[in-house]
PDB file of N, CA and C in Angstrom:
ATOM      1  N   MET A   1     -23.778  -8.689  -0.170  1.00  0.00           N
ATOM      2  CA  MET A   1     -24.299  -8.027   0.992  1.00  0.00           C
ATOM      3  C   MET A   1     -25.252  -6.928   0.532  1.00  0.00           C
ATOM      4  N   LYS A   2     -26.279  -6.745   1.278  1.00  0.00           N
ATOM      5  CA  LYS A   2     -27.281  -5.710   1.001  1.00  0.00           C
ATOM      6  C   LYS A   2     -26.970  -4.457   1.824  1.00  0.00           C
ATOM      7  N   LYS A   3     -27.594  -3.351   1.453  1.00  0.00           N
ATOM      8  CA  LYS A   3     -27.360  -2.071   2.108  1.00  0.00           C
ATOM      9  C   LYS A   3     -27.676  -2.134   3.602  1.00  0.00           C
ATOM     10  N   ALA A   4     -28.782  -2.755   3.964  1.00  0.00           N
ATOM     11  CA  ALA A   4     -29.168  -2.848   5.376  1.00  0.00           C
ATOM     12  C   ALA A   4     -28.130  -3.617   6.182  1.00  0.00           C
ATOM     13  N   GLU A   5     -27.584  -4.678   5.608  1.00  0.00           N
ATOM     14  CA  GLU A   5     -26.560  -5.455   6.300  1.00  0.00           C
ATOM     15  C   GLU A   5     -25.287  -4.628   6.483  1.00  0.00           C
ATOM     16  N   ALA A   6     -24.914  -3.876   5.472  1.00  0.00           N
ATOM     17  CA  ALA A   6     -23.726  -3.021   5.577  1.00  0.00           C
ATOM     18  C   ALA A   6     -23.912  -1.986   6.685  1.00  0.00           C
ATOM     19  N   LYS A   7     -25.077  -1.361   6.754  1.00  0.00           N
ATOM     20  CA  LYS A   7     -25.354  -0.383   7.804  1.00  0.00           C
ATOM     21  C   LYS A   7     -25.294  -1.027   9.185  1.00  0.00           C
ATOM     22  N   LYS A   8     -25.811  -2.238   9.289  1.00  0.00           N
ATOM     23  CA  LYS A   8     -25.802  -2.950  10.566  1.00  0.00           C
ATOM     24  C   LYS A   8     -24.369  -3.250  11.002  1.00  0.00           C
ATOM     25  N   ILE A   9     -23.526  -3.679  10.085  1.00  0.00           N
ATOM     26  CA  ILE A   9     -22.124  -3.957  10.394  1.00  0.00           C
ATOM     27  C   ILE A   9     -21.429  -2.682  10.864  1.00  0.00           C
ATOM     28  N   ILE A  10     -21.650  -1.582  10.159  1.00  0.00           N
ATOM     29  CA  ILE A  10     -21.032  -0.308  10.538  1.00  0.00           C
ATOM     30  C   ILE A  10     -21.425   0.066  11.964  1.00  0.00           C
ATOM     31  N   LYS A  11     -22.698  -0.069  12.269  1.00  0.00           N
ATOM     32  CA  LYS A  11     -23.184   0.279  13.609  1.00  0.00           C
ATOM     33  C   LYS A  11     -22.647  -0.686  14.670  1.00  0.00           C
ATOM     34  N   ASN A  12     -22.786  -1.980  14.438  1.00  0.00           N
ATOM     35  CA  ASN A  12     -22.395  -2.975  15.440  1.00  0.00           C
ATOM     36  C   ASN A  12     -20.897  -3.013  15.703  1.00  0.00           C
ATOM     37  N   GLU A  13     -20.099  -2.727  14.680  1.00  0.00           N
ATOM     38  CA  GLU A  13     -18.649  -2.764  14.835  1.00  0.00           C
ATOM     39  C   GLU A  13     -18.060  -1.381  15.113  1.00  0.00           C
ATOM     40  N   HIS A  14     -18.925  -0.379  15.245  1.00  0.00           N
ATOM     41  CA  HIS A  14     -18.511   0.999  15.548  1.00  0.00           C
ATOM     42  C   HIS A  14     -17.455   1.494  14.561  1.00  0.00           C
ATOM     43  N   LEU A  15     -17.694   1.250  13.281  1.00  0.00           N
ATOM     44  CA  LEU A  15     -16.760   1.670  12.246  1.00  0.00           C
ATOM     45  C   LEU A  15     -16.914   3.165  11.993  1.00  0.00           C
ATOM     46  N   ILE A  16     -15.792   3.825  11.749  1.00  0.00           N
ATOM     47  CA  ILE A  16     -15.785   5.269  11.544  1.00  0.00           C
ATOM     48  C   ILE A  16     -15.029   5.608  10.265  1.00  0.00           C
ATOM     49  N   SER A  17     -15.062   6.861   9.915  1.00  0.00           N
ATOM     50  CA  SER A  17     -14.306   7.407   8.773  1.00  0.00           C
ATOM     51  C   SER A  17     -14.792   6.853   7.441  1.00  0.00           C
ATOM     52  N   TYR A  18     -16.035   7.150   7.140  1.00  0.00           N
ATOM     53  CA  TYR A  18     -16.608   6.688   5.877  1.00  0.00           C
ATOM     54  C   TYR A  18     -17.625   7.694   5.357  1.00  0.00           C
ATOM     55  N   SER A  19     -17.896   7.590   4.090  1.00  0.00           N
ATOM     56  CA  SER A  19     -18.950   8.354   3.433  1.00  0.00           C
ATOM     57  C   SER A  19     -19.846   7.337   2.734  1.00  0.00           C
ATOM     58  N   PHE A  20     -21.076   7.236   3.184  1.00  0.00           N
ATOM     59  CA  PHE A  20     -22.026   6.222   2.725  1.00  0.00           C
ATOM     60  C   PHE A  20     -23.087   6.906   1.867  1.00  0.00           C
ATOM     61  N   PHE A  21     -22.790   7.058   0.581  1.00  0.00           N
ATOM     62  CA  PHE A  21     -23.690   7.702  -0.372  1.00  0.00           C
ATOM     63  C   PHE A  21     -24.019   9.153   0.027  1.00  0.00           C
ATOM     64  N   GLU A  22     -23.063   9.823   0.640  1.00  0.00           N
ATOM     65  CA  GLU A  22     -23.274  11.199   1.073  1.00  0.00           C
ATOM     66  C   GLU A  22     -22.957  12.163  -0.069  1.00  0.00           C
ATOM     67  N   SER A  23     -23.652  13.292  -0.084  1.00  0.00           N
ATOM     68  CA  SER A  23     -23.446  14.267  -1.153  1.00  0.00           C
ATOM     69  C   SER A  23     -22.412  15.330  -0.777  1.00  0.00           C
ATOM     70  N   ARG A  24     -21.850  15.252   0.396  1.00  0.00           N
ATOM     71  CA  ARG A  24     -20.849  16.215   0.842  1.00  0.00           C
ATOM     72  C   ARG A  24     -19.504  15.965   0.161  1.00  0.00           C
ATOM     73  N   ASN A  25     -18.586  16.905   0.325  1.00  0.00           N
ATOM     74  CA  ASN A  25     -17.226  16.698  -0.164  1.00  0.00           C
ATOM     75  C   ASN A  25     -16.560  15.607   0.666  1.00  0.00           C
ATOM     76  N   ASP A  26     -15.657  14.880   0.053  1.00  0.00           N
ATOM     77  CA  ASP A  26     -14.931  13.838   0.769  1.00  0.00           C
ATOM     78  C   ASP A  26     -14.077  14.453   1.876  1.00  0.00           C
ATOM     79  N   ALA A  27     -13.921  13.716   2.964  1.00  0.00           N
ATOM     80  CA  ALA A  27     -13.059  14.126   4.072  1.00  0.00           C
ATOM     81  C   ALA A  27     -11.737  13.376   3.958  1.00  0.00           C
ATOM     82  N   SER A  28     -10.809  13.733   4.796  1.00  0.00           N
ATOM     83  CA  SER A  28      -9.504  13.074   4.750  1.00  0.00           C
ATOM     84  C   SER A  28      -9.565  11.682   5.374  1.00  0.00           C
ATOM     85  N   ASP A  29      -8.782  10.797   4.821  1.00  0.00           N
ATOM     86  CA  ASP A  29      -8.604   9.436   5.345  1.00  0.00           C
ATOM     87  C   ASP A  29      -9.922   8.728   5.635  1.00  0.00           C
ATOM     88  N   GLU A  30     -10.727   8.578   4.612  1.00  0.00           N
ATOM     89  CA  GLU A  30     -11.988   7.873   4.784  1.00  0.00           C
ATOM     90  C   GLU A  30     -12.244   6.934   3.601  1.00  0.00           C
ATOM     91  N   MET A  31     -13.161   6.009   3.810  1.00  0.00           N
ATOM     92  CA  MET A  31     -13.606   5.104   2.765  1.00  0.00           C
ATOM     93  C   MET A  31     -14.934   5.643   2.236  1.00  0.00           C
ATOM     94  N   VAL A  32     -15.078   5.629   0.920  1.00  0.00           N
ATOM     95  CA  VAL A  32     -16.239   6.244   0.278  1.00  0.00           C
ATOM     96  C   VAL A  32     -16.945   5.217  -0.611  1.00  0.00           C
ATOM     97  N   ILE A  33     -18.272   5.248  -0.580  1.00  0.00           N
ATOM     98  CA  ILE A  33     -19.072   4.499  -1.539  1.00  0.00           C
ATOM     99  C   ILE A  33     -20.103   5.461  -2.119  1.00  0.00           C
ATOM    100  N   LYS A  34     -20.187   5.479  -3.449  1.00  0.00           N
ATOM    101  CA  LYS A  34     -21.121   6.354  -4.165  1.00  0.00           C
ATOM    102  C   LYS A  34     -21.747   5.578  -5.307  1.00  0.00           C
ATOM    103  N   LYS A  35     -22.872   6.094  -5.783  1.00  0.00           N
ATOM    104  CA  LYS A  35     -23.501   5.545  -6.979  1.00  0.00           C
ATOM    105  C   LYS A  35     -23.559   6.646  -8.019  1.00  0.00           C
ATOM    106  N   LEU A  36     -22.923   6.393  -9.164  1.00  0.00           N
ATOM    107  CA  LEU A  36     -22.897   7.353 -10.258  1.00  0.00           C
ATOM    108  C   LEU A  36     -23.200   6.641 -11.561  1.00  0.00           C
ATOM    109  N   SER A  37     -24.150   7.144 -12.292  1.00  0.00           N
ATOM    110  CA  SER A  37     -24.518   6.590 -13.605  1.00  0.00           C
ATOM    111  C   SER A  37     -24.781   5.095 -13.548  1.00  0.00           C
ATOM    112  N   GLY A  38     -25.460   4.656 -12.495  1.00  0.00           N
ATOM    113  CA  GLY A  38     -25.824   3.253 -12.372  1.00  0.00           C
ATOM    114  C   GLY A  38     -24.707   2.328 -11.915  1.00  0.00           C
ATOM    115  N   LYS A  39     -23.537   2.884 -11.616  1.00  0.00           N
ATOM    116  CA  LYS A  39     -22.392   2.104 -11.140  1.00  0.00           C
ATOM    117  C   LYS A  39     -22.107   2.467  -9.687  1.00  0.00           C
ATOM    118  N   TYR A  40     -21.565   1.507  -8.950  1.00  0.00           N
ATOM    119  CA  TYR A  40     -21.175   1.730  -7.562  1.00  0.00           C
ATOM    120  C   TYR A  40     -19.668   1.908  -7.526  1.00  0.00           C
ATOM    121  N   ILE A  41     -19.227   2.976  -6.881  1.00  0.00           N
ATOM    122  CA  ILE A  41     -17.812   3.308  -6.834  1.00  0.00           C
ATOM    123  C   ILE A  41     -17.351   3.295  -5.385  1.00  0.00           C
ATOM    124  N   VAL A  42     -16.254   2.585  -5.137  1.00  0.00           N
ATOM    125  CA  VAL A  42     -15.665   2.493  -3.805  1.00  0.00           C
ATOM    126  C   VAL A  42     -14.219   2.960  -3.908  1.00  0.00           C
ATOM    127  N   TYR A  43     -13.849   3.874  -3.009  1.00  0.00           N
ATOM    128  CA  TYR A  43     -12.463   4.349  -2.990  1.00  0.00           C
ATOM    129  C   TYR A  43     -12.123   4.919  -1.617  1.00  0.00           C
ATOM    130  N   ALA A  44     -10.828   5.118  -1.403  1.00  0.00           N
ATOM    131  CA  ALA A  44     -10.329   5.733  -0.175  1.00  0.00           C
ATOM    132  C   ALA A  44      -9.817   7.124  -0.502  1.00  0.00           C
ATOM    133  N   THR A  45      -9.758   7.961   0.525  1.00  0.00           N
ATOM    134  CA  THR A  45      -9.160   9.281   0.371  1.00  0.00           C
ATOM    135  C   THR A  45      -7.885   9.348   1.207  1.00  0.00           C
ATOM    136  N   ASN A  46      -7.005  10.265   0.827  1.00  0.00           N
ATOM    137  CA  ASN A  46      -5.761  10.429   1.573  1.00  0.00           C
ATOM    138  C   ASN A  46      -5.898  11.547   2.605  1.00  0.00           C
ATOM    139  N   GLU A  47      -4.763  11.927   3.219  1.00  0.00           N
ATOM    140  CA  GLU A  47      -4.791  12.946   4.272  1.00  0.00           C
ATOM    141  C   GLU A  47      -5.218  14.318   3.765  1.00  0.00           C
ATOM    142  N   ARG A  48      -5.196  14.518   2.453  1.00  0.00           N
ATOM    143  CA  ARG A  48      -5.643  15.789   1.871  1.00  0.00           C
ATOM    144  C   ARG A  48      -7.059  15.691   1.301  1.00  0.00           C
ATOM    145  N   ALA A  49      -7.742  14.630   1.623  1.00  0.00           N
ATOM    146  CA  ALA A  49      -9.124  14.383   1.179  1.00  0.00           C
ATOM    147  C   ALA A  49      -9.225  14.180  -0.328  1.00  0.00           C
ATOM    148  N   SER A  50      -8.114  13.804  -0.957  1.00  0.00           N
ATOM    149  CA  SER A  50      -8.112  13.507  -2.391  1.00  0.00           C
ATOM    150  C   SER A  50      -8.319  12.015  -2.595  1.00  0.00           C
ATOM    151  N   LYS A  51      -9.071  11.691  -3.640  1.00  0.00           N
ATOM    152  CA  LYS A  51      -9.324  10.288  -3.959  1.00  0.00           C
ATOM    153  C   LYS A  51      -8.013   9.602  -4.329  1.00  0.00           C
ATOM    154  N   ILE A  52      -7.791   8.430  -3.758  1.00  0.00           N
ATOM    155  CA  ILE A  52      -6.649   7.612  -4.145  1.00  0.00           C
ATOM    156  C   ILE A  52      -7.109   6.827  -5.368  1.00  0.00           C
ATOM    157  N   SER A  53      -6.837   7.376  -6.529  1.00  0.00           N
ATOM    158  CA  SER A  53      -7.440   6.882  -7.765  1.00  0.00           C
ATOM    159  C   SER A  53      -7.019   5.472  -8.138  1.00  0.00           C
ATOM    160  N   ASP A  54      -5.793   5.064  -7.803  1.00  0.00           N
ATOM    161  CA  ASP A  54      -5.383   3.709  -8.175  1.00  0.00           C
ATOM    162  C   ASP A  54      -6.055   2.646  -7.304  1.00  0.00           C
ATOM    163  N   GLY A  55      -6.760   3.080  -6.256  1.00  0.00           N
ATOM    164  CA  GLY A  55      -7.486   2.144  -5.410  1.00  0.00           C
ATOM    165  C   GLY A  55      -8.982   2.151  -5.661  1.00  0.00           C
ATOM    166  N   GLU A  56      -9.416   2.917  -6.650  1.00  0.00           N
ATOM    167  CA  GLU A  56     -10.845   3.000  -6.958  1.00  0.00           C
ATOM    168  C   GLU A  56     -11.336   1.703  -7.604  1.00  0.00           C
ATOM    169  N   LYS A  57     -12.464   1.216  -7.121  1.00  0.00           N
ATOM    170  CA  LYS A  57     -13.099   0.022  -7.687  1.00  0.00           C
ATOM    171  C   LYS A  57     -14.501   0.394  -8.143  1.00  0.00           C
ATOM    172  N   ILE A  58     -14.886  -0.087  -9.314  1.00  0.00           N
ATOM    173  CA  ILE A  58     -16.210   0.190  -9.875  1.00  0.00           C
ATOM    174  C   ILE A  58     -16.963  -1.122 -10.021  1.00  0.00           C
ATOM    175  N   PHE A  59     -18.212  -1.118  -9.567  1.00  0.00           N
ATOM    176  CA  PHE A  59     -19.032  -2.331  -9.566  1.00  0.00           C
ATOM    177  C   PHE A  59     -20.344  -2.082 -10.287  1.00  0.00           C
ATOM    178  N   ASP A  60     -20.840  -3.129 -10.926  1.00  0.00           N
ATOM    179  CA  ASP A  60     -22.142  -3.073 -11.590  1.00  0.00           C
ATOM    180  C   ASP A  60     -23.289  -3.387 -10.642  1.00  0.00           C
ATOM    181  N   ASN A  61     -22.994  -4.059  -9.517  1.00  0.00           N
ATOM    182  CA  ASN A  61     -24.063  -4.412  -8.584  1.00  0.00           C
ATOM    183  C   ASN A  61     -23.698  -4.009  -7.165  1.00  0.00           C
ATOM    184  N   GLU A  62     -24.718  -3.712  -6.396  1.00  0.00           N
ATOM    185  CA  GLU A  62     -24.480  -3.188  -5.057  1.00  0.00           C
ATOM    186  C   GLU A  62     -23.924  -4.227  -4.095  1.00  0.00           C
ATOM    187  N   GLU A  63     -24.268  -5.501  -4.254  1.00  0.00           N
ATOM    188  CA  GLU A  63     -23.782  -6.519  -3.331  1.00  0.00           C
ATOM    189  C   GLU A  63     -22.256  -6.584  -3.336  1.00  0.00           C
ATOM    190  N   ASP A  64     -21.651  -6.635  -4.507  1.00  0.00           N
ATOM    191  CA  ASP A  64     -20.192  -6.672  -4.597  1.00  0.00           C
ATOM    192  C   ASP A  64     -19.576  -5.377  -4.083  1.00  0.00           C
ATOM    193  N   ALA A  65     -20.224  -4.258  -4.361  1.00  0.00           N
ATOM    194  CA  ALA A  65     -19.724  -2.966  -3.890  1.00  0.00           C
ATOM    195  C   ALA A  65     -19.748  -2.898  -2.368  1.00  0.00           C
ATOM    196  N   PHE A  66     -20.829  -3.344  -1.748  1.00  0.00           N
ATOM    197  CA  PHE A  66     -20.905  -3.328  -0.288  1.00  0.00           C
ATOM    198  C   PHE A  66     -19.902  -4.288   0.327  1.00  0.00           C
ATOM    199  N   ASP A  67     -19.705  -5.447  -0.262  1.00  0.00           N
ATOM    200  CA  ASP A  67     -18.691  -6.382   0.242  1.00  0.00           C
ATOM    201  C   ASP A  67     -17.317  -5.724   0.248  1.00  0.00           C
ATOM    202  N   ASN A  68     -16.960  -5.076  -0.850  1.00  0.00           N
ATOM    203  CA  ASN A  68     -15.667  -4.416  -0.966  1.00  0.00           C
ATOM    204  C   ASN A  68     -15.563  -3.239   0.006  1.00  0.00           C
ATOM    205  N   PHE A  69     -16.592  -2.429   0.072  1.00  0.00           N
ATOM    206  CA  PHE A  69     -16.609  -1.270   0.952  1.00  0.00           C
ATOM    207  C   PHE A  69     -16.413  -1.683   2.411  1.00  0.00           C
ATOM    208  N   ILE A  70     -17.163  -2.657   2.881  1.00  0.00           N
ATOM    209  CA  ILE A  70     -17.065  -3.088   4.281  1.00  0.00           C
ATOM    210  C   ILE A  70     -15.699  -3.711   4.559  1.00  0.00           C
ATOM    211  N   ARG A  71     -15.191  -4.525   3.653  1.00  0.00           N
ATOM    212  CA  ARG A  71     -13.871  -5.128   3.848  1.00  0.00           C
ATOM    213  C   ARG A  71     -12.806  -4.044   3.989  1.00  0.00           C
ATOM    214  N   ARG A  72     -12.850  -3.052   3.126  1.00  0.00           N
ATOM    215  CA  ARG A  72     -11.864  -1.980   3.152  1.00  0.00           C
ATOM    216  C   ARG A  72     -12.066  -1.047   4.347  1.00  0.00           C
ATOM    217  N   LEU A  73     -13.315  -0.801   4.734  1.00  0.00           N
ATOM    218  CA  LEU A  73     -13.583   0.030   5.906  1.00  0.00           C
ATOM    219  C   LEU A  73     -13.098  -0.662   7.173  1.00  0.00           C
ATOM    220  N   ARG A  74     -13.309  -1.949   7.281  1.00  0.00           N
ATOM    221  CA  ARG A  74     -12.778  -2.694   8.430  1.00  0.00           C
ATOM    222  C   ARG A  74     -11.260  -2.592   8.486  1.00  0.00           C
ATOM    223  N   ALA A  75     -10.610  -2.736   7.356  1.00  0.00           N
ATOM    224  CA  ALA A  75      -9.143  -2.645   7.306  1.00  0.00           C
ATOM    225  C   ALA A  75      -8.666  -1.260   7.731  1.00  0.00           C
ATOM    226  N   LEU A  76      -9.344  -0.216   7.264  1.00  0.00           N
ATOM    227  CA  LEU A  76      -8.985   1.148   7.646  1.00  0.00           C
ATOM    228  C   LEU A  76      -9.136   1.345   9.149  1.00  0.00           C
ATOM    229  N   ASN A  77     -10.234   0.862   9.706  1.00  0.00           N
ATOM    230  CA  ASN A  77     -10.451   0.993  11.150  1.00  0.00           C
ATOM    231  C   ASN A  77      -9.452   0.170  11.938  1.00  0.00           C
ATOM    232  N   ASN A  78      -9.124  -1.010  11.467  1.00  0.00           N
ATOM    233  CA  ASN A  78      -8.139  -1.853  12.139  1.00  0.00           C
ATOM    234  C   ASN A  78      -6.779  -1.166  12.137  1.00  0.00           C
ATOM    235  N   TYR A  79      -6.407  -0.589  11.017  1.00  0.00           N
ATOM    236  CA  TYR A  79      -5.141   0.133  10.906  1.00  0.00           C
ATOM    237  C   TYR A  79      -5.108   1.293  11.913  1.00  0.00           C
ATOM    238  N   ARG A  80      -6.176   2.060  11.971  1.00  0.00           N
ATOM    239  CA  ARG A  80      -6.232   3.193  12.905  1.00  0.00           C
ATOM    240  C   ARG A  80      -6.160   2.744  14.353  1.00  0.00           C
ATOM    241  N   ASN A  81      -6.817   1.645  14.675  1.00  0.00           N
ATOM    242  CA  ASN A  81      -6.826   1.146  16.056  1.00  0.00           C
ATOM    243  C   ASN A  81      -5.467   0.595  16.475  1.00  0.00           C
ATOM    244  N   ASN A  82      -4.637   0.229  15.520  1.00  0.00           N
ATOM    245  CA  ASN A  82      -3.328  -0.352  15.840  1.00  0.00           C
ATOM    246  C   ASN A  82      -2.170   0.615  15.628  1.00  0.00           C
ATOM    247  N   MET A  83      -2.478   1.887  15.400  1.00  0.00           N
ATOM    248  CA  MET A  83      -1.422   2.892  15.207  1.00  0.00           C
ATOM    249  C   MET A  83      -0.779   3.250  16.526  1.00  0.00           C
TER     250      MET A  83
END
């Protein structure tokens, strides 16, 4: 998946609680995607806005990173909607 497709999915599915290459501090209970040193990093944060390190995934290419990010963001939103 490409960046434009990921943005379109987020908008069309009204997905919330994410950080999409933002330079701000992480917020609580969100899915994060960042690019550091040429690698794409996807992870979730907990209720204290701390990275859940055992769930961190590192990718060499953006397509795989976006696939993982969107899959996990959908799951997070689905979980919240069914609470």
